[in-house]
N, C-alpha and C. Protein backbone atom coordinates (compact mmCIF):
# COMPACT_ATOMS: atom_id res chain seq x y z
N MET A 1 -55.79 38.21 -3.40
CA MET A 1 -55.88 37.58 -4.69
C MET A 1 -54.53 37.62 -5.42
N VAL A 2 -53.85 38.77 -5.32
CA VAL A 2 -52.56 38.91 -5.99
C VAL A 2 -51.55 37.95 -5.37
N GLU A 3 -51.53 37.90 -4.05
CA GLU A 3 -50.58 37.02 -3.37
C GLU A 3 -50.80 35.56 -3.77
N ALA A 4 -52.03 35.13 -3.79
CA ALA A 4 -52.33 33.75 -4.16
C ALA A 4 -51.87 33.45 -5.59
N GLU A 5 -52.07 34.39 -6.49
CA GLU A 5 -51.67 34.19 -7.88
C GLU A 5 -50.14 34.15 -8.01
N LEU A 6 -49.44 35.04 -7.28
CA LEU A 6 -47.98 35.08 -7.37
C LEU A 6 -47.33 33.82 -6.84
N GLN A 7 -47.98 33.14 -5.94
CA GLN A 7 -47.43 31.91 -5.37
C GLN A 7 -47.50 30.72 -6.34
N LEU A 8 -48.16 30.90 -7.46
CA LEU A 8 -48.30 29.80 -8.42
C LEU A 8 -47.05 29.59 -9.27
N ARG A 9 -46.13 30.57 -9.28
CA ARG A 9 -44.92 30.47 -10.09
C ARG A 9 -43.71 30.93 -9.27
N THR A 10 -42.54 30.58 -9.74
CA THR A 10 -41.30 31.03 -9.09
C THR A 10 -41.05 32.49 -9.43
N THR A 11 -40.18 33.10 -8.68
CA THR A 11 -39.80 34.49 -8.95
C THR A 11 -39.25 34.62 -10.36
N GLN A 12 -38.38 33.70 -10.75
CA GLN A 12 -37.79 33.77 -12.09
C GLN A 12 -38.85 33.64 -13.18
N GLU A 13 -39.82 32.78 -12.96
CA GLU A 13 -40.90 32.64 -13.95
C GLU A 13 -41.66 33.96 -14.11
N TRP A 14 -41.95 34.64 -12.99
CA TRP A 14 -42.65 35.93 -13.08
C TRP A 14 -41.77 36.98 -13.76
N LEU A 15 -40.49 36.98 -13.47
CA LEU A 15 -39.60 37.93 -14.13
C LEU A 15 -39.60 37.72 -15.63
N ASP A 16 -39.59 36.46 -16.05
CA ASP A 16 -39.62 36.14 -17.48
C ASP A 16 -40.94 36.60 -18.11
N ILE A 17 -42.04 36.40 -17.41
CA ILE A 17 -43.36 36.81 -17.92
C ILE A 17 -43.42 38.33 -18.09
N PHE A 18 -42.93 39.08 -17.11
CA PHE A 18 -43.02 40.54 -17.14
C PHE A 18 -42.00 41.19 -18.07
N GLU A 19 -40.94 40.46 -18.40
CA GLU A 19 -39.89 41.02 -19.27
C GLU A 19 -40.49 41.55 -20.56
N GLY A 20 -40.17 42.81 -20.89
CA GLY A 20 -40.63 43.42 -22.13
C GLY A 20 -42.07 43.90 -22.11
N SER A 21 -42.73 43.80 -20.97
CA SER A 21 -44.14 44.19 -20.89
C SER A 21 -44.34 45.70 -20.81
N GLY A 22 -43.28 46.43 -20.46
CA GLY A 22 -43.42 47.87 -20.27
C GLY A 22 -43.93 48.21 -18.88
N MET A 23 -44.26 47.22 -18.10
CA MET A 23 -44.74 47.43 -16.75
C MET A 23 -43.55 47.44 -15.79
N PRO A 24 -43.50 48.38 -14.85
CA PRO A 24 -42.39 48.37 -13.89
C PRO A 24 -42.53 47.16 -12.95
N TYR A 25 -41.44 46.45 -12.75
CA TYR A 25 -41.45 45.27 -11.89
C TYR A 25 -40.02 44.99 -11.42
N ALA A 26 -39.91 44.27 -10.35
CA ALA A 26 -38.61 43.81 -9.85
C ALA A 26 -38.86 42.73 -8.81
N ALA A 27 -37.89 41.88 -8.65
CA ALA A 27 -37.96 40.84 -7.62
C ALA A 27 -37.68 41.48 -6.26
N VAL A 28 -38.33 40.96 -5.24
CA VAL A 28 -38.03 41.36 -3.88
C VAL A 28 -37.14 40.26 -3.32
N ASN A 29 -35.88 40.59 -3.05
CA ASN A 29 -34.92 39.59 -2.62
C ASN A 29 -34.97 39.35 -1.12
N ASP A 30 -34.68 38.13 -0.72
CA ASP A 30 -34.43 37.85 0.68
C ASP A 30 -32.95 38.18 0.94
N ILE A 31 -32.46 37.94 2.13
CA ILE A 31 -31.08 38.29 2.46
C ILE A 31 -30.09 37.58 1.54
N GLN A 32 -30.24 36.28 1.35
CA GLN A 32 -29.31 35.54 0.50
C GLN A 32 -29.38 36.02 -0.95
N GLY A 33 -30.59 36.28 -1.42
CA GLY A 33 -30.74 36.79 -2.78
C GLY A 33 -30.09 38.16 -2.94
N THR A 34 -30.12 38.95 -1.90
CA THR A 34 -29.51 40.29 -1.95
C THR A 34 -27.99 40.20 -1.94
N VAL A 35 -27.42 39.49 -0.98
CA VAL A 35 -25.96 39.46 -0.87
C VAL A 35 -25.30 38.70 -2.01
N ASN A 36 -26.06 37.87 -2.70
CA ASN A 36 -25.51 37.11 -3.83
C ASN A 36 -25.94 37.67 -5.19
N HIS A 37 -26.63 38.80 -5.19
CA HIS A 37 -27.11 39.40 -6.44
C HIS A 37 -25.90 39.87 -7.26
N PRO A 38 -25.90 39.64 -8.56
CA PRO A 38 -24.76 40.03 -9.40
C PRO A 38 -24.38 41.50 -9.29
N HIS A 39 -25.36 42.38 -9.17
CA HIS A 39 -25.07 43.82 -9.06
C HIS A 39 -24.36 44.12 -7.74
N VAL A 40 -24.83 43.51 -6.66
CA VAL A 40 -24.21 43.70 -5.34
C VAL A 40 -22.77 43.21 -5.38
N LEU A 41 -22.54 42.06 -5.97
CA LEU A 41 -21.20 41.49 -6.06
C LEU A 41 -20.30 42.34 -6.96
N ALA A 42 -20.83 42.83 -8.08
CA ALA A 42 -20.03 43.64 -9.00
C ALA A 42 -19.58 44.96 -8.36
N ARG A 43 -20.40 45.50 -7.47
CA ARG A 43 -20.06 46.77 -6.81
C ARG A 43 -19.29 46.56 -5.50
N ASN A 44 -18.91 45.31 -5.22
CA ASN A 44 -18.18 44.99 -3.98
C ASN A 44 -18.91 45.50 -2.74
N MET A 45 -20.22 45.27 -2.71
CA MET A 45 -21.03 45.76 -1.60
C MET A 45 -20.95 44.85 -0.37
N ILE A 46 -20.45 43.66 -0.53
CA ILE A 46 -20.27 42.76 0.61
C ILE A 46 -18.78 42.51 0.75
N GLU A 47 -18.26 42.80 1.94
CA GLU A 47 -16.83 42.61 2.19
C GLU A 47 -16.65 41.64 3.36
N GLU A 48 -15.74 40.73 3.19
CA GLU A 48 -15.45 39.77 4.25
C GLU A 48 -14.28 40.30 5.07
N VAL A 49 -14.49 40.39 6.39
CA VAL A 49 -13.44 40.88 7.28
C VAL A 49 -13.21 39.87 8.40
N GLU A 50 -12.04 39.93 8.99
CA GLU A 50 -11.69 39.04 10.10
C GLU A 50 -12.15 39.68 11.41
N HIS A 51 -12.96 38.94 12.17
CA HIS A 51 -13.45 39.41 13.47
C HIS A 51 -12.70 38.65 14.55
N PRO A 52 -12.25 39.32 15.62
CA PRO A 52 -11.45 38.64 16.64
C PRO A 52 -12.17 37.51 17.37
N ALA A 53 -13.49 37.57 17.45
CA ALA A 53 -14.23 36.52 18.16
C ALA A 53 -14.99 35.59 17.23
N CYS A 54 -15.34 36.04 16.05
CA CYS A 54 -16.21 35.27 15.16
C CYS A 54 -15.51 34.71 13.93
N GLY A 55 -14.25 35.07 13.72
CA GLY A 55 -13.58 34.65 12.50
C GLY A 55 -14.00 35.54 11.34
N LYS A 56 -14.11 34.95 10.16
CA LYS A 56 -14.50 35.74 8.99
C LYS A 56 -16.00 36.03 9.02
N VAL A 57 -16.35 37.31 8.83
CA VAL A 57 -17.75 37.72 8.75
C VAL A 57 -17.94 38.60 7.52
N LYS A 58 -19.12 38.51 6.93
CA LYS A 58 -19.45 39.34 5.78
C LYS A 58 -20.20 40.57 6.27
N LEU A 59 -19.74 41.74 5.80
CA LEU A 59 -20.36 43.01 6.18
C LEU A 59 -20.77 43.78 4.94
N VAL A 60 -21.76 44.64 5.10
CA VAL A 60 -22.17 45.51 4.00
C VAL A 60 -21.14 46.63 3.89
N ASN A 61 -20.58 46.77 2.69
CA ASN A 61 -19.57 47.78 2.43
C ASN A 61 -20.23 49.14 2.25
N HIS A 62 -19.42 50.18 2.17
CA HIS A 62 -19.90 51.54 1.98
C HIS A 62 -20.67 51.62 0.66
N PRO A 63 -21.89 52.19 0.68
CA PRO A 63 -22.71 52.19 -0.53
C PRO A 63 -22.29 53.20 -1.59
N VAL A 64 -21.57 54.26 -1.20
CA VAL A 64 -21.20 55.30 -2.15
C VAL A 64 -19.80 55.03 -2.67
N LYS A 65 -19.66 55.02 -3.98
CA LYS A 65 -18.36 54.81 -4.62
C LYS A 65 -17.95 56.12 -5.29
N TYR A 66 -16.72 56.54 -5.05
CA TYR A 66 -16.19 57.76 -5.65
C TYR A 66 -15.15 57.40 -6.70
N SER A 67 -14.86 58.35 -7.59
CA SER A 67 -13.91 58.05 -8.65
C SER A 67 -12.47 58.01 -8.15
N ARG A 68 -12.14 58.78 -7.13
CA ARG A 68 -10.74 58.84 -6.67
C ARG A 68 -10.49 58.12 -5.34
N VAL A 69 -11.50 58.05 -4.50
CA VAL A 69 -11.34 57.43 -3.19
C VAL A 69 -12.49 56.46 -2.98
N GLU A 70 -12.15 55.24 -2.59
CA GLU A 70 -13.19 54.27 -2.31
C GLU A 70 -13.21 53.97 -0.82
N PRO A 71 -14.28 54.38 -0.11
CA PRO A 71 -14.35 54.09 1.33
C PRO A 71 -14.31 52.59 1.58
N LYS A 72 -13.70 52.20 2.67
CA LYS A 72 -13.57 50.78 3.02
C LYS A 72 -14.03 50.57 4.46
N ILE A 73 -14.34 49.36 4.79
CA ILE A 73 -14.61 48.99 6.18
C ILE A 73 -13.26 49.00 6.90
N ARG A 74 -13.15 49.82 7.93
CA ARG A 74 -11.86 49.97 8.61
C ARG A 74 -11.63 48.95 9.72
N THR A 75 -12.70 48.58 10.40
CA THR A 75 -12.57 47.64 11.52
C THR A 75 -13.79 46.72 11.56
N PRO A 76 -13.64 45.55 12.16
CA PRO A 76 -14.81 44.68 12.34
C PRO A 76 -15.72 45.28 13.42
N PRO A 77 -16.95 44.79 13.53
CA PRO A 77 -17.84 45.28 14.59
C PRO A 77 -17.20 45.08 15.96
N PRO A 78 -17.39 46.02 16.89
CA PRO A 78 -16.75 45.90 18.20
C PRO A 78 -17.37 44.79 19.04
N LEU A 79 -16.58 44.30 19.96
CA LEU A 79 -17.06 43.33 20.94
C LEU A 79 -17.89 44.07 21.98
N LEU A 80 -18.73 43.35 22.69
CA LEU A 80 -19.55 43.95 23.74
C LEU A 80 -18.64 44.63 24.78
N GLY A 81 -18.84 45.91 24.97
CA GLY A 81 -18.07 46.66 25.97
C GLY A 81 -16.70 47.10 25.52
N GLN A 82 -16.33 46.83 24.28
CA GLN A 82 -14.98 47.13 23.80
C GLN A 82 -14.63 48.61 23.94
N HIS A 83 -15.58 49.50 23.74
CA HIS A 83 -15.29 50.93 23.77
C HIS A 83 -15.95 51.65 24.96
N THR A 84 -16.46 50.89 25.91
CA THR A 84 -17.18 51.50 27.03
C THR A 84 -16.31 52.49 27.79
N ASP A 85 -15.11 52.07 28.20
CA ASP A 85 -14.25 52.97 28.97
C ASP A 85 -13.91 54.23 28.17
N GLU A 86 -13.61 54.05 26.90
CA GLU A 86 -13.26 55.18 26.03
C GLU A 86 -14.41 56.18 25.96
N VAL A 87 -15.63 55.68 25.77
CA VAL A 87 -16.79 56.57 25.68
C VAL A 87 -17.03 57.28 27.01
N LEU A 88 -16.99 56.53 28.10
CA LEU A 88 -17.23 57.13 29.41
C LEU A 88 -16.17 58.17 29.76
N ARG A 89 -14.92 57.84 29.47
CA ARG A 89 -13.82 58.73 29.82
C ARG A 89 -13.73 59.94 28.88
N GLU A 90 -13.63 59.65 27.59
CA GLU A 90 -13.31 60.71 26.62
C GLU A 90 -14.52 61.52 26.17
N LEU A 91 -15.67 60.90 26.05
CA LEU A 91 -16.84 61.63 25.56
C LEU A 91 -17.71 62.17 26.69
N LEU A 92 -17.77 61.43 27.79
CA LEU A 92 -18.65 61.83 28.88
C LEU A 92 -17.91 62.40 30.08
N GLY A 93 -16.59 62.34 30.07
CA GLY A 93 -15.80 62.96 31.14
C GLY A 93 -15.80 62.25 32.48
N PHE A 94 -16.09 60.94 32.50
CA PHE A 94 -16.08 60.19 33.74
C PHE A 94 -14.65 59.97 34.21
N GLU A 95 -14.46 59.96 35.54
CA GLU A 95 -13.17 59.64 36.14
C GLU A 95 -13.07 58.13 36.30
N GLU A 96 -11.83 57.64 36.49
CA GLU A 96 -11.60 56.19 36.62
C GLU A 96 -12.41 55.57 37.75
N GLU A 97 -12.53 56.28 38.88
CA GLU A 97 -13.29 55.74 40.02
C GLU A 97 -14.76 55.57 39.67
N GLU A 98 -15.30 56.52 38.90
CA GLU A 98 -16.70 56.44 38.49
C GLU A 98 -16.91 55.25 37.54
N ILE A 99 -15.97 55.06 36.62
CA ILE A 99 -16.07 53.95 35.68
C ILE A 99 -15.99 52.62 36.42
N THR A 100 -15.06 52.53 37.36
CA THR A 100 -14.93 51.31 38.17
C THR A 100 -16.23 51.04 38.91
N GLY A 101 -16.84 52.07 39.48
CA GLY A 101 -18.12 51.91 40.18
C GLY A 101 -19.24 51.42 39.26
N LEU A 102 -19.27 51.94 38.06
CA LEU A 102 -20.29 51.51 37.10
C LEU A 102 -20.09 50.05 36.71
N ARG A 103 -18.83 49.65 36.57
CA ARG A 103 -18.55 48.24 36.23
C ARG A 103 -18.90 47.32 37.39
N GLU A 104 -18.51 47.72 38.59
CA GLU A 104 -18.81 46.89 39.77
C GLU A 104 -20.31 46.77 39.99
N GLY A 105 -21.05 47.83 39.71
CA GLY A 105 -22.50 47.80 39.85
C GLY A 105 -23.21 47.17 38.67
N LYS A 106 -22.41 46.67 37.71
CA LYS A 106 -22.93 46.04 36.50
C LYS A 106 -23.88 46.95 35.71
N THR A 107 -23.60 48.27 35.82
CA THR A 107 -24.34 49.25 35.04
C THR A 107 -23.85 49.26 33.60
N VAL A 108 -22.55 49.02 33.43
CA VAL A 108 -21.94 48.93 32.09
C VAL A 108 -21.16 47.63 31.99
N ALA A 109 -20.91 47.22 30.74
CA ALA A 109 -20.15 45.99 30.51
C ALA A 109 -18.77 46.34 30.01
């Protein structure tokens, strides 16, 4: 019943109706509504970065803001397999021959 009633008006119309009512309410945003929300934009929560394969992409910035240091996005998302050798070698202790075997067997990309 509530869903059917809510579909009779736009989100903005409902926000206007509830304004000043003392009842807790808020819009539920879709992705576009979220990334374009004035509060999100004012807090620089969406940052555009250059990706080597995709060009400019929008990413969610660090949510916590500090008074002296502001965390930033350091790199774009990695390409498929970009860090595979590094992880296998440095974190898991694989030798080059083992890594080559995994690649040849298509176990890793």
